[in-house]
PDB file of all heavy atoms in Angstrom:
ATOM      1  N   PRO A   1      45.260  29.031  -2.982  1.00  0.00           N
ATOM      2  CA  PRO A   1      43.987  29.482  -2.386  1.00  0.00           C
ATOM      3  C   PRO A   1      43.904  28.987  -0.937  1.00  0.00           C
ATOM      4  O   PRO A   1      44.255  27.864  -0.618  1.00  0.00           O
ATOM      5  CB  PRO A   1      42.938  28.804  -3.249  1.00  0.00           C
ATOM      6  CG  PRO A   1      43.637  27.797  -4.074  1.00  0.00           C
ATOM      7  CD  PRO A   1      45.098  28.147  -4.083  1.00  0.00           C
ATOM      8  N   VAL A   2      43.437  29.883  -0.089  1.00  0.00           N
ATOM      9  CA  VAL A   2      43.293  29.574   1.320  1.00  0.00           C
ATOM     10  C   VAL A   2      41.918  28.979   1.538  1.00  0.00           C
ATOM     11  O   VAL A   2      40.895  29.529   1.110  1.00  0.00           O
ATOM     12  CB  VAL A   2      43.484  30.843   2.188  1.00  0.00           C
ATOM     13  CG1 VAL A   2      43.263  30.522   3.647  1.00  0.00           C
ATOM     14  CG2 VAL A   2      44.842  31.428   1.918  1.00  0.00           C
ATOM     15  N   ALA A   3      41.878  27.868   2.197  1.00  0.00           N
ATOM     16  CA  ALA A   3      40.586  27.249   2.506  1.00  0.00           C
ATOM     17  C   ALA A   3      39.864  28.100   3.545  1.00  0.00           C
ATOM     18  O   ALA A   3      40.464  28.506   4.526  1.00  0.00           O
ATOM     19  CB  ALA A   3      40.787  25.825   3.043  1.00  0.00           C
ATOM     20  N   ALA A   4      38.630  28.352   3.268  1.00  0.00           N
ATOM     21  CA  ALA A   4      37.808  29.174   4.193  1.00  0.00           C
ATOM     22  C   ALA A   4      37.348  28.308   5.346  1.00  0.00           C
ATOM     23  O   ALA A   4      36.282  27.722   5.317  1.00  0.00           O
ATOM     24  CB  ALA A   4      36.636  29.784   3.459  1.00  0.00           C
ATOM     25  N   GLU A   5      38.171  28.229   6.374  1.00  0.00           N
ATOM     26  CA  GLU A   5      37.831  27.461   7.545  1.00  0.00           C
ATOM     27  C   GLU A   5      37.152  28.370   8.540  1.00  0.00           C
ATOM     28  O   GLU A   5      37.548  29.522   8.715  1.00  0.00           O
ATOM     29  CB  GLU A   5      39.073  26.834   8.177  1.00  0.00           C
ATOM     30  CG  GLU A   5      39.749  25.813   7.281  1.00  0.00           C
ATOM     31  CD  GLU A   5      40.953  25.210   7.956  1.00  0.00           C
ATOM     32  OE1 GLU A   5      41.014  25.219   9.216  1.00  0.00           O
ATOM     33  OE2 GLU A   5      41.836  24.753   7.247  1.00  0.00           O
ATOM     34  N   PRO A   6      36.129  27.903   9.226  1.00  0.00           N
ATOM     35  CA  PRO A   6      35.508  28.730  10.223  1.00  0.00           C
ATOM     36  C   PRO A   6      36.476  29.010  11.377  1.00  0.00           C
ATOM     37  O   PRO A   6      37.206  28.134  11.791  1.00  0.00           O
ATOM     38  CB  PRO A   6      34.311  27.916  10.694  1.00  0.00           C
ATOM     39  CG  PRO A   6      34.639  26.502  10.328  1.00  0.00           C
ATOM     40  CD  PRO A   6      35.550  26.565   9.127  1.00  0.00           C
ATOM     41  N   VAL A   7      36.421  30.263  11.826  1.00  0.00           N
ATOM     42  CA  VAL A   7      37.279  30.619  12.938  1.00  0.00           C
ATOM     43  C   VAL A   7      36.623  30.154  14.239  1.00  0.00           C
ATOM     44  O   VAL A   7      35.481  30.457  14.512  1.00  0.00           O
ATOM     45  CB  VAL A   7      37.434  32.166  12.979  1.00  0.00           C
ATOM     46  CG1 VAL A   7      38.281  32.560  14.162  1.00  0.00           C
ATOM     47  CG2 VAL A   7      38.030  32.645  11.693  1.00  0.00           C
ATOM     48  N   THR A   8      37.348  29.359  15.005  1.00  0.00           N
ATOM     49  CA  THR A   8      36.810  28.858  16.235  1.00  0.00           C
ATOM     50  C   THR A   8      37.498  29.564  17.407  1.00  0.00           C
ATOM     51  O   THR A   8      38.418  29.012  18.001  1.00  0.00           O
ATOM     52  CB  THR A   8      36.987  27.321  16.342  1.00  0.00           C
ATOM     53  OG1 THR A   8      38.387  27.076  16.196  1.00  0.00           O
ATOM     54  CG2 THR A   8      36.186  26.583  15.303  1.00  0.00           C
ATOM     55  N   ALA A   9      37.083  30.775  17.646  1.00  0.00           N
ATOM     56  CA  ALA A   9      37.669  31.549  18.715  1.00  0.00           C
ATOM     57  C   ALA A   9      37.060  31.109  20.052  1.00  0.00           C
ATOM     58  O   ALA A   9      35.906  30.645  20.091  1.00  0.00           O
ATOM     59  CB  ALA A   9      37.445  33.018  18.510  1.00  0.00           C
ATOM     60  N   GLU A  10      37.805  31.252  21.095  1.00  0.00           N
ATOM     61  CA  GLU A  10      37.305  30.957  22.417  1.00  0.00           C
ATOM     62  C   GLU A  10      36.190  31.954  22.748  1.00  0.00           C
ATOM     63  O   GLU A  10      36.308  33.122  22.457  1.00  0.00           O
ATOM     64  CB  GLU A  10      38.442  31.065  23.447  1.00  0.00           C
ATOM     65  CG  GLU A  10      39.439  29.939  23.345  1.00  0.00           C
ATOM     66  CD  GLU A  10      38.852  28.607  23.740  1.00  0.00           C
ATOM     67  OE1 GLU A  10      38.111  28.547  24.741  1.00  0.00           O
ATOM     68  OE2 GLU A  10      39.156  27.624  23.053  1.00  0.00           O
ATOM     69  N   PRO A  11      35.148  31.498  23.418  1.00  0.00           N
ATOM     70  CA  PRO A  11      34.116  32.458  23.816  1.00  0.00           C
ATOM     71  C   PRO A  11      34.659  33.419  24.873  1.00  0.00           C
ATOM     72  O   PRO A  11      35.571  33.088  25.644  1.00  0.00           O
ATOM     73  CB  PRO A  11      33.025  31.586  24.386  1.00  0.00           C
ATOM     74  CG  PRO A  11      33.694  30.353  24.844  1.00  0.00           C
ATOM     75  CD  PRO A  11      34.868  30.157  23.888  1.00  0.00           C
ATOM     76  N   LEU A  12      34.086  34.592  24.899  1.00  0.00           N
ATOM     77  CA  LEU A  12      34.496  35.597  25.843  1.00  0.00           C
ATOM     78  C   LEU A  12      33.299  35.856  26.754  1.00  0.00           C
ATOM     79  O   LEU A  12      32.181  36.008  26.286  1.00  0.00           O
ATOM     80  CB  LEU A  12      34.895  36.884  25.102  1.00  0.00           C
ATOM     81  CG  LEU A  12      35.352  38.071  25.924  1.00  0.00           C
ATOM     82  CD1 LEU A  12      36.635  37.708  26.622  1.00  0.00           C
ATOM     83  CD2 LEU A  12      35.601  39.249  24.993  1.00  0.00           C
ATOM     84  N   TRP A  13      33.509  35.881  28.054  1.00  0.00           N
ATOM     85  CA  TRP A  13      32.437  36.109  28.988  1.00  0.00           C
ATOM     86  C   TRP A  13      32.262  37.619  29.138  1.00  0.00           C
ATOM     87  O   TRP A  13      33.175  38.303  29.571  1.00  0.00           O
ATOM     88  CB  TRP A  13      32.699  35.464  30.327  1.00  0.00           C
ATOM     89  CG  TRP A  13      32.406  34.026  30.325  1.00  0.00           C
ATOM     90  CD1 TRP A  13      33.283  33.012  30.061  1.00  0.00           C
ATOM     91  CD2 TRP A  13      31.142  33.398  30.500  1.00  0.00           C
ATOM     92  NE1 TRP A  13      32.638  31.826  30.098  1.00  0.00           N
ATOM     93  CE2 TRP A  13      31.306  32.018  30.371  1.00  0.00           C
ATOM     94  CE3 TRP A  13      29.845  33.895  30.774  1.00  0.00           C
ATOM     95  CZ2 TRP A  13      30.272  31.118  30.500  1.00  0.00           C
ATOM     96  CZ3 TRP A  13      28.820  32.995  30.909  1.00  0.00           C
ATOM     97  CH2 TRP A  13      29.034  31.623  30.773  1.00  0.00           C
ATOM     98  N   LEU A  14      31.092  38.130  28.770  1.00  0.00           N
ATOM     99  CA  LEU A  14      30.754  39.535  28.919  1.00  0.00           C
ATOM    100  C   LEU A  14      29.427  39.634  29.657  1.00  0.00           C
ATOM    101  O   LEU A  14      28.739  38.678  29.853  1.00  0.00           O
ATOM    102  CB  LEU A  14      30.598  40.214  27.535  1.00  0.00           C
ATOM    103  CG  LEU A  14      31.845  40.296  26.665  1.00  0.00           C
ATOM    104  CD1 LEU A  14      31.492  40.871  25.323  1.00  0.00           C
ATOM    105  CD2 LEU A  14      32.921  41.109  27.350  1.00  0.00           C
ATOM    106  N   VAL A  15      29.109  40.862  30.019  1.00  0.00           N
ATOM    107  CA  VAL A  15      27.816  41.129  30.634  1.00  0.00           C
ATOM    108  C   VAL A  15      26.888  41.637  29.554  1.00  0.00           C
ATOM    109  O   VAL A  15      27.226  42.558  28.813  1.00  0.00           O
ATOM    110  CB  VAL A  15      27.948  42.185  31.764  1.00  0.00           C
ATOM    111  CG1 VAL A  15      26.567  42.540  32.308  1.00  0.00           C
ATOM    112  CG2 VAL A  15      28.838  41.671  32.846  1.00  0.00           C
ATOM    113  N   ALA A  16      25.741  41.010  29.418  1.00  0.00           N
ATOM    114  CA  ALA A  16      24.695  41.439  28.444  1.00  0.00           C
ATOM    115  C   ALA A  16      23.640  42.184  29.233  1.00  0.00           C
ATOM    116  O   ALA A  16      23.404  41.936  30.425  1.00  0.00           O
ATOM    117  CB  ALA A  16      24.111  40.263  27.688  1.00  0.00           C
ATOM    118  N   ALA A  17      23.000  43.125  28.543  1.00  0.00           N
ATOM    119  CA  ALA A  17      21.901  43.872  29.156  1.00  0.00           C
ATOM    120  C   ALA A  17      20.935  44.297  28.066  1.00  0.00           C
ATOM    121  O   ALA A  17      21.248  44.153  26.869  1.00  0.00           O
ATOM    122  CB  ALA A  17      22.442  45.106  29.880  1.00  0.00           C
ATOM    123  N   ASN A  18      19.778  44.802  28.439  1.00  0.00           N
ATOM    124  CA  ASN A  18      18.826  45.301  27.488  1.00  0.00           C
ATOM    125  C   ASN A  18      18.642  46.794  27.712  1.00  0.00           C
ATOM    126  O   ASN A  18      18.687  47.254  28.845  1.00  0.00           O
ATOM    127  CB  ASN A  18      17.482  44.605  27.652  1.00  0.00           C
ATOM    128  CG  ASN A  18      17.572  43.143  27.244  1.00  0.00           C
ATOM    129  OD1 ASN A  18      17.814  42.316  28.105  1.00  0.00           O
ATOM    130  ND2 ASN A  18      17.414  42.850  25.994  1.00  0.00           N
ATOM    131  N   VAL A  19      18.374  47.501  26.616  1.00  0.00           N
ATOM    132  CA  VAL A  19      18.121  48.923  26.699  1.00  0.00           C
ATOM    133  C   VAL A  19      16.698  49.124  27.181  1.00  0.00           C
ATOM    134  O   VAL A  19      15.802  48.381  26.793  1.00  0.00           O
ATOM    135  CB  VAL A  19      18.331  49.591  25.300  1.00  0.00           C
ATOM    136  CG1 VAL A  19      17.975  51.057  25.323  1.00  0.00           C
ATOM    137  CG2 VAL A  19      19.744  49.355  24.793  1.00  0.00           C
ATOM    138  N   VAL A  20      16.480  50.101  28.044  1.00  0.00           N
ATOM    139  CA  VAL A  20      15.130  50.366  28.539  1.00  0.00           C
ATOM    140  C   VAL A  20      14.195  50.706  27.379  1.00  0.00           C
ATOM    141  O   VAL A  20      14.603  51.366  26.416  1.00  0.00           O
ATOM    142  CB  VAL A  20      15.097  51.484  29.611  1.00  0.00           C
ATOM    143  CG1 VAL A  20      15.831  51.073  30.872  1.00  0.00           C
ATOM    144  CG2 VAL A  20      15.654  52.774  29.058  1.00  0.00           C
ATOM    145  N   ARG A  21      12.947  50.223  27.442  1.00  0.00           N
ATOM    146  CA  ARG A  21      12.021  50.469  26.346  1.00  0.00           C
ATOM    147  C   ARG A  21      11.676  51.982  26.250  1.00  0.00           C
ATOM    148  O   ARG A  21      11.580  52.510  25.182  1.00  0.00           O
ATOM    149  CB  ARG A  21      10.764  49.644  26.521  1.00  0.00           C
ATOM    150  CG  ARG A  21      11.062  48.176  26.417  1.00  0.00           C
ATOM    151  CD  ARG A  21       9.961  47.456  25.686  1.00  0.00           C
ATOM    152  NE  ARG A  21      10.310  46.063  25.551  1.00  0.00           N
ATOM    153  CZ  ARG A  21      10.801  45.522  24.433  1.00  0.00           C
ATOM    154  NH1 ARG A  21      10.995  46.255  23.389  1.00  0.00           N
ATOM    155  NH2 ARG A  21      11.083  44.240  24.400  1.00  0.00           N
ATOM    156  N   TRP A  22      11.433  52.593  27.404  1.00  0.00           N
ATOM    157  CA  TRP A  22      11.109  54.018  27.444  1.00  0.00           C
ATOM    158  C   TRP A  22      11.962  54.674  28.507  1.00  0.00           C
ATOM    159  O   TRP A  22      12.179  54.111  29.577  1.00  0.00           O
ATOM    160  CB  TRP A  22       9.628  54.242  27.788  1.00  0.00           C
ATOM    161  CG  TRP A  22       8.717  53.722  26.750  1.00  0.00           C
ATOM    162  CD1 TRP A  22       8.138  52.491  26.712  1.00  0.00           C
ATOM    163  CD2 TRP A  22       8.287  54.401  25.594  1.00  0.00           C
ATOM    164  NE1 TRP A  22       7.378  52.371  25.565  1.00  0.00           N
ATOM    165  CE2 TRP A  22       7.426  53.547  24.871  1.00  0.00           C
ATOM    166  CE3 TRP A  22       8.506  55.699  25.081  1.00  0.00           C
ATOM    167  CZ2 TRP A  22       6.818  53.908  23.677  1.00  0.00           C
ATOM    168  CZ3 TRP A  22       7.887  56.051  23.890  1.00  0.00           C
ATOM    169  CH2 TRP A  22       7.063  55.175  23.191  1.00  0.00           C
ATOM    170  N   ARG A  23      12.446  55.879  28.226  1.00  0.00           N
ATOM    171  CA  ARG A  23      13.241  56.591  29.220  1.00  0.00           C
ATOM    172  C   ARG A  23      12.657  57.976  29.343  1.00  0.00           C
ATOM    173  O   ARG A  23      12.135  58.559  28.379  1.00  0.00           O
ATOM    174  CB  ARG A  23      14.705  56.653  28.811  1.00  0.00           C
ATOM    175  CG  ARG A  23      14.974  57.445  27.551  1.00  0.00           C
ATOM    176  CD  ARG A  23      16.421  57.385  27.147  1.00  0.00           C
ATOM    177  NE  ARG A  23      16.580  57.954  25.807  1.00  0.00           N
ATOM    178  CZ  ARG A  23      16.852  59.197  25.517  1.00  0.00           C
ATOM    179  NH1 ARG A  23      17.067  60.049  26.489  1.00  0.00           N
ATOM    180  NH2 ARG A  23      16.955  59.599  24.260  1.00  0.00           N
ATOM    181  N   ARG A  24      12.784  58.516  30.541  1.00  0.00           N
ATOM    182  CA  ARG A  24      12.294  59.872  30.815  1.00  0.00           C
ATOM    183  C   ARG A  24      13.270  60.859  30.166  1.00  0.00           C
ATOM    184  O   ARG A  24      14.470  60.614  30.073  1.00  0.00           O
ATOM    185  CB  ARG A  24      12.175  60.094  32.293  1.00  0.00           C
ATOM    186  CG  ARG A  24      11.114  59.212  32.914  1.00  0.00           C
ATOM    187  CD  ARG A  24      11.087  59.291  34.372  1.00  0.00           C
ATOM    188  NE  ARG A  24      10.677  60.631  34.826  1.00  0.00           N
ATOM    189  CZ  ARG A  24      10.635  60.982  36.107  1.00  0.00           C
ATOM    190  NH1 ARG A  24      10.967  60.138  37.029  1.00  0.00           N
ATOM    191  NH2 ARG A  24      10.274  62.213  36.420  1.00  0.00           N
ATOM    192  N   TYR A  25      12.740  62.006  29.753  1.00  0.00           N
ATOM    193  CA  TYR A  25      13.532  62.947  28.997  1.00  0.00           C
ATOM    194  C   TYR A  25      12.935  64.360  29.194  1.00  0.00           C
ATOM    195  O   TYR A  25      11.776  64.503  29.513  1.00  0.00           O
ATOM    196  CB  TYR A  25      13.489  62.553  27.507  1.00  0.00           C
ATOM    197  CG  TYR A  25      14.286  63.443  26.595  1.00  0.00           C
ATOM    198  CD1 TYR A  25      15.637  63.301  26.440  1.00  0.00           C
ATOM    199  CD2 TYR A  25      13.662  64.462  25.870  1.00  0.00           C
ATOM    200  CE1 TYR A  25      16.360  64.102  25.611  1.00  0.00           C
ATOM    201  CE2 TYR A  25      14.375  65.293  25.040  1.00  0.00           C
ATOM    202  CZ  TYR A  25      15.732  65.075  24.895  1.00  0.00           C
ATOM    203  OH  TYR A  25      16.454  65.887  24.074  1.00  0.00           O
ATOM    204  N   GLY A  26      13.737  65.383  28.972  1.00  0.00           N
ATOM    205  CA  GLY A  26      13.219  66.741  28.947  1.00  0.00           C
ATOM    206  C   GLY A  26      13.156  67.383  30.326  1.00  0.00           C
ATOM    207  O   GLY A  26      13.692  66.897  31.308  1.00  0.00           O
ATOM    208  N   ASP A  27      12.440  68.530  30.407  1.00  0.00           N
ATOM    209  CA  ASP A  27      12.311  69.289  31.648  1.00  0.00           C
ATOM    210  C   ASP A  27      11.586  68.473  32.675  1.00  0.00           C
ATOM    211  O   ASP A  27      10.417  68.118  32.504  1.00  0.00           O
ATOM    212  CB  ASP A  27      11.555  70.608  31.413  1.00  0.00           C
ATOM    213  CG  ASP A  27      12.372  71.567  30.555  1.00  0.00           C
ATOM    214  OD1 ASP A  27      13.611  71.503  30.601  1.00  0.00           O
ATOM    215  OD2 ASP A  27      11.736  72.388  29.840  1.00  0.00           O
ATOM    216  N   GLY A  28      12.291  68.142  33.766  1.00  0.00           N
ATOM    217  CA  GLY A  28      11.677  67.402  34.865  1.00  0.00           C
ATOM    218  C   GLY A  28      11.305  65.974  34.498  1.00  0.00           C
ATOM    219  O   GLY A  28      10.561  65.366  35.219  1.00  0.00           O
ATOM    220  N   GLY A  29      11.807  65.462  33.393  1.00  0.00           N
ATOM    221  CA  GLY A  29      11.504  64.086  33.009  1.00  0.00           C
ATOM    222  C   GLY A  29      10.084  63.856  32.620  1.00  0.00           C
ATOM    223  O   GLY A  29       9.553  62.747  32.759  1.00  0.00           O
ATOM    224  N   GLN A  30       9.427  64.880  32.088  1.00  0.00           N
ATOM    225  CA  GLN A  30       8.006  64.775  31.771  1.00  0.00           C
ATOM    226  C   GLN A  30       7.736  64.223  30.360  1.00  0.00           C
ATOM    227  O   GLN A  30       6.612  63.928  30.028  1.00  0.00           O
ATOM    228  CB  GLN A  30       7.325  66.135  31.928  1.00  0.00           C
ATOM    229  CG  GLN A  30       7.295  66.633  33.349  1.00  0.00           C
ATOM    230  CD  GLN A  30       6.604  65.641  34.289  1.00  0.00           C
ATOM    231  OE1 GLN A  30       5.444  65.264  34.059  1.00  0.00           O
ATOM    232  NE2 GLN A  30       7.319  65.165  35.307  1.00  0.00           N
ATOM    233  N   GLU A  31       8.789  64.059  29.572  1.00  0.00           N
ATOM    234  CA  GLU A  31       8.630  63.439  28.237  1.00  0.00           C
ATOM    235  C   GLU A  31       9.189  62.027  28.292  1.00  0.00           C
ATOM    236  O   GLU A  31      10.046  61.710  29.107  1.00  0.00           O
ATOM    237  CB  GLU A  31       9.401  64.238  27.191  1.00  0.00           C
ATOM    238  CG  GLU A  31       8.923  65.629  26.954  1.00  0.00           C
ATOM    239  CD  GLU A  31       9.768  66.336  25.919  1.00  0.00           C
ATOM    240  OE1 GLU A  31      10.039  65.722  24.869  1.00  0.00           O
ATOM    241  OE2 GLU A  31      10.169  67.490  26.152  1.00  0.00           O
ATOM    242  N   LEU A  32       8.706  61.203  27.400  1.00  0.00           N
ATOM    243  CA  LEU A  32       9.217  59.841  27.286  1.00  0.00           C
ATOM    244  C   LEU A  32       9.751  59.636  25.867  1.00  0.00           C
ATOM    245  O   LEU A  32       9.132  60.075  24.899  1.00  0.00           O
ATOM    246  CB  LEU A  32       8.117  58.841  27.580  1.00  0.00           C
ATOM    247  CG  LEU A  32       7.618  58.802  29.013  1.00  0.00           C
ATOM    248  CD1 LEU A  32       6.388  57.932  29.124  1.00  0.00           C
ATOM    249  CD2 LEU A  32       8.697  58.227  29.923  1.00  0.00           C
ATOM    250  N   ARG A  33      10.880  58.985  25.778  1.00  0.00           N
ATOM    251  CA  ARG A  33      11.484  58.634  24.489  1.00  0.00           C
ATOM    252  C   ARG A  33      11.734  57.141  24.441  1.00  0.00           C
ATOM    253  O   ARG A  33      12.129  56.554  25.430  1.00  0.00           O
ATOM    254  CB  ARG A  33      12.806  59.386  24.323  1.00  0.00           C
ATOM    255  CG  ARG A  33      12.685  60.883  24.263  1.00  0.00           C
ATOM    256  CD  ARG A  33      12.983  61.361  22.859  1.00  0.00           C
ATOM    257  NE  ARG A  33      12.670  62.756  22.707  1.00  0.00           N
ATOM    258  CZ  ARG A  33      13.558  63.692  22.420  1.00  0.00           C
ATOM    259  NH1 ARG A  33      14.814  63.394  22.261  1.00  0.00           N
ATOM    260  NH2 ARG A  33      13.173  64.933  22.233  1.00  0.00           N
ATOM    261  N   PRO A  34      11.514  56.531  23.285  1.00  0.00           N
ATOM    262  CA  PRO A  34      11.779  55.104  23.183  1.00  0.00           C
ATOM    263  C   PRO A  34      13.281  54.814  23.062  1.00  0.00           C
ATOM    264  O   PRO A  34      13.959  55.412  22.247  1.00  0.00           O
ATOM    265  CB  PRO A  34      11.045  54.679  21.904  1.00  0.00           C
ATOM    266  CG  PRO A  34      11.005  55.936  21.102  1.00  0.00           C
ATOM    267  CD  PRO A  34      10.945  57.071  22.069  1.00  0.00           C
ATOM    268  N   GLY A  35      13.795  53.913  23.887  1.00  0.00           N
ATOM    269  CA  GLY A  35      15.205  53.535  23.811  1.00  0.00           C
ATOM    270  C   GLY A  35      16.119  54.718  24.041  1.00  0.00           C
ATOM    271  O   GLY A  35      15.838  55.620  24.857  1.00  0.00           O
TER     272      GLY A  35
END
């Protein structure tokens, strides 16, 4: 049996961002959609 040891991988530096709460959509951007 293999002991379940936690994998300790090196951290990776990435860029995090957030999705816009509302985005314009449709003809001329007159509608709003969430995410």
